[in-house]
Amino acid sequence: MSVFTTFFKRLPLESTPQFHMFSMTHFITLIVSIAIIYTVYKYSGKLKEWKYEKILRYTLGIMMIYTNVNLWQYSYYLGQEWYHYLPIATCGYATFFGGLTLLTKNKVLFKLTFFWGFGAVLSLLGPTMLEGPLKYHYYQFFFRHIGIIVIPFYMMNVYDYKIVREDWKLFFYVTISLTFGSTIINLIVNKPDELNMFYTMQPVITGTPLNTLYEVSRWVYVAFWIPFAALLGYLYGLPFYQKKEPLLK
């Protein structure tokens, strides 16, 4: 098997992980990720007048959407059940919505992608994946989650999009609806180790206070996790909320 083929081949699900949280690889990746996010946040406004800005925006948008297609291809290759094609959590929706934001400049998609950025931050801090730097999926994982965070910053700086405090309500209603629907599917499939959309079946990472609540009861855990996640979304927006512009009389 060639080096090229090996690079793009995913590890089997039962494989020993190449990537470990809080390893040196993880810390280096976090530093690089923070540098990219800061650069886009601070300097992307300089692209306002760049004549190739539209090409860049379309290219990144298509790349973000393709990452979802690539994951579907992987599920098809493994012959997985239908539910493996569904987004696990907000990041799966945000990569698609973020890509569409870049392609269409839709402000509703922009707002949802912005608030779902808190989930991408958590994923960068606590990634759950097998592949390390010698595999394509490692780079795809971090490209997807960095993209979720920086796309709203890009639209703010290049197109003057704004987030106001009231936009959190859109995030809440859409996210709680997706969570409710996903939980029903979780319960129907009833395979927590295979399907744990929006993490309502069990905590995604072990060794956290959420596990203590889960040991008491799954529903005690869920009753805490859902409001807590909504609060995180609100707090994530605090540095960026702007005053709502008054309506013209």
Protein backbone atom coordinates (compact mmCIF):
# COMPACT_ATOMS: atom_id res chain seq x y z
CA MET A 1 0.00 0.00 0.00
CA SER A 2 1.44 3.40 -1.01
CA VAL A 3 2.16 6.19 1.46
CA PHE A 4 -0.54 8.26 -0.29
CA THR A 5 -3.18 5.54 0.14
CA THR A 6 -2.16 4.94 3.76
CA PHE A 7 -2.50 8.67 4.54
CA PHE A 8 -6.13 8.77 3.39
CA LYS A 9 -7.18 5.40 4.82
CA ARG A 10 -9.15 5.63 8.08
CA LEU A 11 -8.25 3.46 11.04
CA PRO A 12 -10.71 0.64 11.85
CA LEU A 13 -13.04 1.53 14.72
CA GLU A 14 -11.50 -1.12 17.00
CA SER A 15 -7.94 0.20 16.45
CA THR A 16 -5.65 1.52 19.15
CA PRO A 17 -5.87 5.36 19.01
CA GLN A 18 -2.94 7.22 17.47
CA PHE A 19 -4.18 10.48 19.00
CA HIS A 20 -4.43 11.04 22.74
CA MET A 21 -5.97 13.98 24.57
CA PHE A 22 -3.52 16.21 26.43
CA SER A 23 -0.56 14.63 24.66
CA MET A 24 2.21 16.76 23.17
CA THR A 25 0.54 16.37 19.77
CA HIS A 26 -2.70 17.70 21.22
CA PHE A 27 -1.02 20.70 22.86
CA ILE A 28 0.87 21.61 19.67
CA THR A 29 -2.33 21.27 17.66
CA LEU A 30 -4.16 23.54 20.10
CA ILE A 31 -1.46 26.20 19.83
CA VAL A 32 -1.64 26.11 16.02
CA SER A 33 -5.46 26.18 16.14
CA ILE A 34 -5.50 29.21 18.45
CA ALA A 35 -3.01 30.99 16.18
CA ILE A 36 -5.22 30.39 13.12
CA ILE A 37 -8.38 31.49 14.93
CA TYR A 38 -6.69 34.65 16.23
CA THR A 39 -5.29 35.50 12.79
CA VAL A 40 -8.70 35.24 11.14
CA TYR A 41 -10.38 37.18 13.95
CA LYS A 42 -7.79 39.95 13.89
CA TYR A 43 -6.85 40.31 10.24
CA SER A 44 -9.57 38.85 7.97
CA GLY A 45 -11.08 42.33 7.57
CA LYS A 46 -8.14 43.16 5.31
CA LEU A 47 -9.71 40.89 2.67
CA LYS A 48 -12.68 43.22 2.16
CA GLU A 49 -11.28 44.77 -1.00
CA TRP A 50 -9.27 41.77 -2.21
CA LYS A 51 -10.36 40.92 -5.74
CA TYR A 52 -10.13 37.18 -5.12
CA GLU A 53 -12.12 37.25 -1.88
CA LYS A 54 -15.17 35.66 -3.50
CA ILE A 55 -13.09 32.78 -4.86
CA LEU A 56 -11.56 32.22 -1.42
CA ARG A 57 -14.98 32.30 0.25
CA TYR A 58 -16.51 29.85 -2.22
CA THR A 59 -13.54 27.51 -2.00
CA LEU A 60 -13.64 27.36 1.79
CA GLY A 61 -17.42 26.94 1.76
CA ILE A 62 -17.25 23.97 -0.63
CA MET A 63 -14.41 22.43 1.39
CA MET A 64 -16.43 22.66 4.60
CA ILE A 65 -19.45 20.99 3.02
CA TYR A 66 -17.27 18.32 1.45
CA THR A 67 -15.98 17.22 4.85
CA ASN A 68 -19.50 15.99 5.64
CA VAL A 69 -19.67 14.18 2.30
CA ASN A 70 -16.32 12.57 3.08
CA LEU A 71 -17.63 11.26 6.41
CA TRP A 72 -20.69 9.83 4.64
CA GLN A 73 -18.34 8.10 2.18
CA TYR A 74 -16.52 6.54 5.10
CA SER A 75 -19.77 5.25 6.62
CA TYR A 76 -20.80 3.83 3.24
CA TYR A 77 -17.41 2.16 2.80
CA LEU A 78 -17.79 0.43 6.17
CA GLY A 79 -21.37 -0.58 5.39
CA GLN A 80 -22.63 1.14 8.54
CA GLU A 81 -26.27 1.45 9.55
CA TRP A 82 -28.36 4.43 8.42
CA TYR A 83 -27.99 6.30 11.69
CA HIS A 84 -24.23 6.67 11.24
CA TYR A 85 -24.97 9.18 8.47
CA LEU A 86 -26.65 11.56 10.93
CA PRO A 87 -24.73 14.45 12.54
CA ILE A 88 -23.53 13.50 16.01
CA ALA A 89 -23.98 17.00 17.46
CA THR A 90 -24.04 20.68 16.53
CA CYS A 91 -20.62 20.48 14.83
CA GLY A 92 -22.03 18.21 12.13
CA TYR A 93 -24.72 20.78 11.37
CA ALA A 94 -22.34 23.72 11.78
CA THR A 95 -19.88 22.47 9.16
CA PHE A 96 -22.73 22.27 6.65
CA PHE A 97 -24.37 25.54 7.72
CA GLY A 98 -20.99 27.28 7.91
CA GLY A 99 -20.16 26.21 4.38
CA LEU A 100 -23.55 27.43 3.18
CA THR A 101 -22.99 30.72 5.03
CA LEU A 102 -19.88 31.33 2.95
CA LEU A 103 -21.66 30.38 -0.28
CA THR A 104 -24.94 32.22 0.29
CA LYS A 105 -24.15 34.88 2.96
CA ASN A 106 -27.36 33.83 4.73
CA LYS A 107 -27.58 35.60 8.09
CA VAL A 108 -29.67 32.96 9.85
CA LEU A 109 -27.09 30.29 9.01
CA PHE A 110 -24.36 32.70 10.10
CA LYS A 111 -25.97 33.15 13.52
CA LEU A 112 -26.45 29.43 14.10
CA THR A 113 -22.88 28.68 13.02
CA PHE A 114 -21.61 31.37 15.38
CA PHE A 115 -23.32 29.99 18.49
CA TRP A 116 -22.46 26.39 17.61
CA GLY A 117 -18.86 27.56 17.74
CA PHE A 118 -18.87 26.80 21.47
CA GLY A 119 -19.26 23.12 20.59
CA ALA A 120 -16.30 23.37 18.23
CA VAL A 121 -14.23 24.89 21.04
CA LEU A 122 -15.11 21.94 23.29
CA SER A 123 -14.20 19.54 20.48
CA LEU A 124 -10.80 21.18 20.06
CA LEU A 125 -10.19 20.92 23.80
CA GLY A 126 -11.41 17.33 24.05
CA PRO A 127 -11.25 15.66 20.62
CA THR A 128 -12.52 12.10 20.36
CA MET A 129 -10.83 10.48 17.38
CA LEU A 130 -8.42 7.70 16.54
CA GLU A 131 -6.19 9.23 13.87
CA GLY A 132 -2.97 11.15 14.50
CA PRO A 133 -0.92 13.53 12.31
CA LEU A 134 0.00 10.77 9.86
CA LYS A 135 -3.63 10.47 8.78
CA TYR A 136 -5.83 12.74 6.66
CA HIS A 137 -8.76 12.55 9.07
CA TYR A 138 -6.69 14.23 11.78
CA TYR A 139 -6.36 17.34 9.59
CA GLN A 140 -9.97 17.13 8.44
CA PHE A 141 -11.19 17.02 12.04
CA PHE A 142 -9.34 20.19 13.02
CA PHE A 143 -10.13 21.94 9.72
CA ARG A 144 -13.84 21.34 10.34
CA HIS A 145 -13.84 22.62 13.91
CA ILE A 146 -11.55 25.57 13.32
CA GLY A 147 -13.74 26.44 10.34
CA ILE A 148 -16.89 26.50 12.47
CA ILE A 149 -15.26 29.07 14.75
CA VAL A 150 -13.62 31.32 12.15
CA ILE A 151 -16.38 31.48 9.52
CA PRO A 152 -18.57 33.80 11.66
CA PHE A 153 -15.49 35.94 12.44
CA TYR A 154 -14.81 36.16 8.72
CA MET A 155 -18.37 37.28 7.99
CA MET A 156 -18.21 39.83 10.82
CA ASN A 157 -14.97 41.34 9.60
CA VAL A 158 -15.46 41.18 5.82
CA TYR A 159 -19.23 41.71 5.56
CA ASP A 160 -19.96 43.54 8.83
CA TYR A 161 -22.35 40.87 10.12
CA LYS A 162 -23.35 41.33 13.75
CA ILE A 163 -24.49 39.22 16.68
CA VAL A 164 -26.98 40.70 19.15
CA ARG A 165 -28.12 39.22 22.44
CA GLU A 166 -31.54 38.33 21.02
CA ASP A 167 -29.91 36.01 18.48
CA TRP A 168 -29.29 33.53 21.29
CA LYS A 169 -33.00 32.70 21.22
CA LEU A 170 -32.65 31.44 17.62
CA PHE A 171 -29.75 29.25 18.71
CA PHE A 172 -31.71 27.93 21.68
CA TYR A 173 -34.93 27.06 19.84
CA VAL A 174 -33.18 25.40 16.90
CA THR A 175 -30.70 23.50 19.09
CA ILE A 176 -33.32 22.30 21.58
CA SER A 177 -35.50 21.08 18.68
CA LEU A 178 -32.58 19.16 17.16
CA THR A 179 -31.71 17.75 20.58
CA PHE A 180 -35.27 16.56 21.16
CA GLY A 181 -35.49 14.88 17.76
CA SER A 182 -32.04 13.34 18.10
CA THR A 183 -32.83 11.97 21.56
CA ILE A 184 -35.90 10.18 20.20
CA ILE A 185 -33.74 8.54 17.51
CA ASN A 186 -31.12 7.67 20.16
CA LEU A 187 -33.76 5.91 22.24
CA ILE A 188 -35.22 4.06 19.25
CA VAL A 189 -31.80 2.76 18.14
CA ASN A 190 -30.74 2.25 21.79
CA LYS A 191 -27.05 1.63 21.09
CA PRO A 192 -25.28 4.31 23.17
CA ASP A 193 -21.79 3.21 22.11
CA GLU A 194 -22.74 3.57 18.45
CA LEU A 195 -25.24 6.43 18.47
CA ASN A 196 -25.08 9.24 21.02
CA MET A 197 -26.37 12.28 19.17
CA PHE A 198 -26.14 15.48 21.17
CA TYR A 199 -24.65 13.29 23.91
CA THR A 200 -28.01 12.61 25.54
CA MET A 201 -27.31 8.89 25.99
CA GLN A 202 -24.09 9.26 27.93
CA PRO A 203 -21.19 11.74 28.39
CA VAL A 204 -18.82 11.79 25.45
CA ILE A 205 -15.69 12.03 27.64
CA THR A 206 -15.06 10.03 30.80
CA GLY A 207 -13.70 11.44 34.03
CA THR A 208 -15.78 14.64 34.17
CA PRO A 209 -18.48 15.76 36.66
CA LEU A 210 -21.03 14.81 34.00
CA ASN A 211 -20.10 11.16 34.54
CA THR A 212 -20.99 11.49 38.22
CA LEU A 213 -24.45 12.74 37.28
CA TYR A 214 -24.80 9.96 34.72
CA GLU A 215 -24.02 7.37 37.38
CA VAL A 216 -26.96 8.72 39.40
CA SER A 217 -29.32 8.54 36.43
CA ARG A 218 -29.20 9.12 32.69
CA TRP A 219 -32.09 11.55 33.03
CA VAL A 220 -30.43 13.48 35.85
CA TYR A 221 -27.43 13.84 33.55
CA VAL A 222 -29.62 14.96 30.63
CA ALA A 223 -31.58 17.41 32.81
CA PHE A 224 -28.29 19.09 33.72
CA TRP A 225 -26.45 18.75 30.39
CA ILE A 226 -29.03 20.39 28.12
CA PRO A 227 -29.47 23.66 30.13
CA PHE A 228 -25.72 23.74 30.78
CA ALA A 229 -24.96 23.49 27.05
CA ALA A 230 -27.49 26.26 26.35
CA LEU A 231 -25.77 28.43 28.97
CA LEU A 232 -22.39 27.76 27.37
CA GLY A 233 -23.79 28.98 24.06
CA TYR A 234 -24.99 32.20 25.68
CA LEU A 235 -21.68 32.79 27.47
CA TYR A 236 -19.77 32.10 24.24
CA GLY A 237 -21.53 35.06 22.66
CA LEU A 238 -20.88 37.54 25.49
CA PRO A 239 -17.69 39.09 24.04
CA PHE A 240 -19.40 39.60 20.68
CA TYR A 241 -22.91 40.83 21.45
CA GLN A 242 -23.58 44.25 19.98
CA LYS A 243 -26.38 46.67 20.67
CA LYS A 244 -29.44 46.15 18.54
CA GLU A 245 -29.79 48.97 16.06
CA PRO A 246 -32.99 51.00 16.65
CA LEU A 247 -35.68 50.79 14.02
CA LEU A 248 -35.92 53.82 11.79
CA LYS A 249 -39.05 55.89 12.37
